[in-house]
Protein backbone atom coordinates (compact mmCIF):
# COMPACT_ATOMS: atom_id res chain seq x y z
CA MET A 1 72.14 33.02 31.86
CA THR A 2 69.82 31.70 29.24
CA LEU A 3 66.73 33.50 28.18
CA PRO A 4 63.48 31.74 28.13
CA ALA A 5 61.96 30.84 24.64
CA VAL A 6 58.80 32.52 23.70
CA ARG A 7 56.17 30.49 22.18
CA THR A 8 53.13 31.75 20.67
CA SER A 9 50.51 30.60 18.27
CA ARG A 10 50.43 34.01 16.49
CA PRO A 11 53.26 35.03 14.34
CA LEU A 12 54.98 38.33 15.56
CA ALA A 13 53.89 41.44 13.62
CA SER A 14 56.66 42.78 11.62
CA TRP A 15 57.21 46.47 11.57
CA ASP A 16 55.68 48.29 8.59
CA PRO A 17 56.50 51.76 8.17
CA PHE A 18 53.59 52.22 5.81
CA ARG A 19 50.95 50.83 8.13
CA ASP A 20 49.87 54.36 9.47
CA PHE A 21 49.55 55.62 5.98
CA ASP A 22 47.32 52.54 4.81
CA ASP A 23 45.26 53.04 8.07
CA LEU A 24 44.82 56.84 7.13
CA TYR A 25 43.89 55.99 3.47
CA ARG A 26 41.26 53.48 4.64
CA ARG A 27 39.88 56.01 7.10
CA LEU A 28 39.66 58.80 4.41
CA GLY A 29 38.18 56.27 1.86
CA LEU A 30 35.26 55.57 4.41
CA VAL A 31 34.65 59.36 4.84
CA ARG A 32 34.47 59.79 1.08
CA ALA A 33 32.08 56.89 0.74
CA ASP A 34 29.24 58.77 1.95
CA GLN A 35 29.61 61.38 -0.77
CA PRO A 36 27.83 60.71 -4.02
CA ARG A 37 30.04 59.87 -6.98
CA ALA A 38 29.46 59.62 -10.57
CA TRP A 39 29.38 56.27 -11.98
CA VAL A 40 30.94 55.19 -15.41
CA PRO A 41 28.58 53.38 -17.92
CA ALA A 42 29.65 50.61 -20.10
CA ALA A 43 31.27 51.77 -23.39
CA ASP A 44 33.01 50.53 -26.68
CA VAL A 45 35.17 52.74 -28.64
CA SER A 46 35.55 51.65 -32.36
CA GLU A 47 37.29 53.03 -35.42
CA THR A 48 36.13 53.06 -38.80
CA ASP A 49 38.07 54.27 -42.03
CA ASP A 50 36.38 57.67 -41.68
CA ALA A 51 35.52 57.99 -37.98
CA TYR A 52 35.62 57.05 -34.35
CA VAL A 53 32.46 55.55 -33.04
CA VAL A 54 31.69 55.65 -28.99
CA GLU A 55 28.72 53.50 -27.86
CA ILE A 56 27.57 54.05 -24.43
CA GLU A 57 24.94 52.10 -22.58
CA VAL A 58 22.37 54.23 -20.98
CA PRO A 59 19.37 52.32 -20.64
CA GLY A 60 16.10 54.11 -19.37
CA VAL A 61 17.72 57.57 -19.71
CA ALA A 62 15.79 60.24 -21.72
CA ARG A 63 17.62 62.15 -24.29
CA GLU A 64 17.07 65.39 -22.34
CA ASN A 65 19.21 63.87 -19.31
CA ILE A 66 22.29 63.45 -21.32
CA SER A 67 24.77 65.97 -22.41
CA VAL A 68 27.69 65.37 -24.78
CA ASP A 69 30.41 67.95 -24.60
CA VAL A 70 33.81 68.35 -26.46
CA ALA A 71 36.61 70.55 -25.05
CA ALA A 72 40.38 70.47 -25.92
CA ASN A 73 40.23 66.88 -27.60
CA ARG A 74 38.24 65.46 -24.73
CA LEU A 75 34.70 63.92 -25.42
CA THR A 76 32.60 63.76 -22.06
CA VAL A 77 29.23 62.39 -21.85
CA SER A 78 27.40 63.02 -18.71
CA GLY A 79 23.91 62.70 -17.34
CA GLU A 80 21.68 61.32 -14.54
CA VAL A 81 19.46 58.38 -13.98
CA ALA A 82 16.60 59.59 -11.68
CA GLU A 83 15.28 57.77 -8.84
CA THR A 84 11.96 56.36 -9.51
CA GLY A 85 9.35 56.79 -6.89
CA ARG A 86 8.01 53.56 -5.55
CA GLU A 87 5.59 52.35 -2.79
CA GLY A 88 6.80 50.10 -0.10
CA SER A 89 10.41 49.40 1.23
CA LEU A 90 13.34 48.52 -1.16
CA ARG A 91 14.68 45.20 -0.22
CA HIS A 92 17.59 44.87 -2.92
CA ARG A 93 19.21 47.25 -5.45
CA THR A 94 21.32 46.42 -8.44
CA ARG A 95 20.15 49.13 -10.68
CA ARG A 96 22.33 52.45 -10.82
CA THR A 97 20.80 55.85 -10.20
CA GLY A 98 22.39 59.16 -9.80
CA GLN A 99 24.88 61.00 -11.94
CA PHE A 100 27.06 59.30 -14.64
CA ARG A 101 30.17 60.33 -16.51
CA TYR A 102 32.13 58.95 -19.22
CA ALA A 103 35.13 60.72 -20.82
CA VAL A 104 37.61 59.76 -23.57
CA THR A 105 40.48 61.58 -25.18
CA LEU A 106 40.23 62.02 -28.86
CA PRO A 107 43.14 61.60 -31.09
CA ARG A 108 44.45 64.37 -33.19
CA GLY A 109 42.88 64.80 -36.68
CA VAL A 110 39.11 64.72 -35.95
CA GLU A 111 36.43 67.15 -37.04
CA GLN A 112 35.02 68.39 -33.64
CA ASP A 113 32.38 70.61 -35.44
CA ALA A 114 30.88 67.58 -37.20
CA ILE A 115 30.34 65.18 -34.10
CA ALA A 116 26.86 63.75 -34.05
CA ALA A 117 25.17 61.77 -31.27
CA GLU A 118 22.12 59.42 -31.64
CA LEU A 119 20.25 57.65 -28.88
CA ALA A 120 18.28 54.54 -29.76
CA ASP A 121 17.38 51.45 -27.64
CA GLY A 122 19.36 52.56 -24.75
CA VAL A 123 22.61 53.02 -26.50
CA LEU A 124 24.03 56.34 -27.22
CA THR A 125 26.18 56.42 -30.34
CA VAL A 126 28.59 59.40 -30.72
CA ARG A 127 30.38 59.48 -34.13
CA VAL A 128 33.45 61.54 -34.36
CA PRO A 129 34.55 62.01 -38.15
CA LYS A 130 38.23 61.93 -38.91
CA SER A 131 39.48 64.93 -40.75
CA ALA A 132 40.20 64.57 -44.42
CA SER A 133 43.89 64.84 -43.53
CA ALA A 134 43.63 62.25 -41.04
CA THR A 135 42.34 59.54 -43.41
CA PRO A 136 44.90 57.20 -45.01
CA ARG A 137 45.54 57.72 -48.71
CA ARG A 138 47.69 55.74 -51.06
CA ILE A 139 50.32 57.85 -52.89
CA GLU A 140 51.20 56.89 -56.43
CA ILE A 141 54.57 56.28 -57.20
CA THR A 142 55.90 57.68 -60.76
CA GLU A 143 58.86 56.90 -62.69
CA LYS A 144 61.32 59.55 -63.44
């Protein structure tokens, strides 16, 4: 007895033990997509000899709508871009609105009490000074 050959234009689906997990993850992602989430603004972190400098783009955001917090070596900048009232129907949107949040872990050896923030031309600049013990220094070598 011979078995007939099965010919199909579609490849047979291989068994994937994680397919159900993937489907569940996708469904949960769709449910959570309806909830508003904070977006992350573009930012640069640089280091100078005496400080770390964090520059965050927040164009059009008033100083009163931004907060800068430090807790347990974690610098957090958060705020909100308010929705502007307009007449007519919105046909296309690329500008972000709603809450934003940017967080970075600071290294050890910074002066948390001396952190300063300045807002100019849509860029928030946060200067985190290094402590005196954290700045590099050269040690003189003496002869005996």
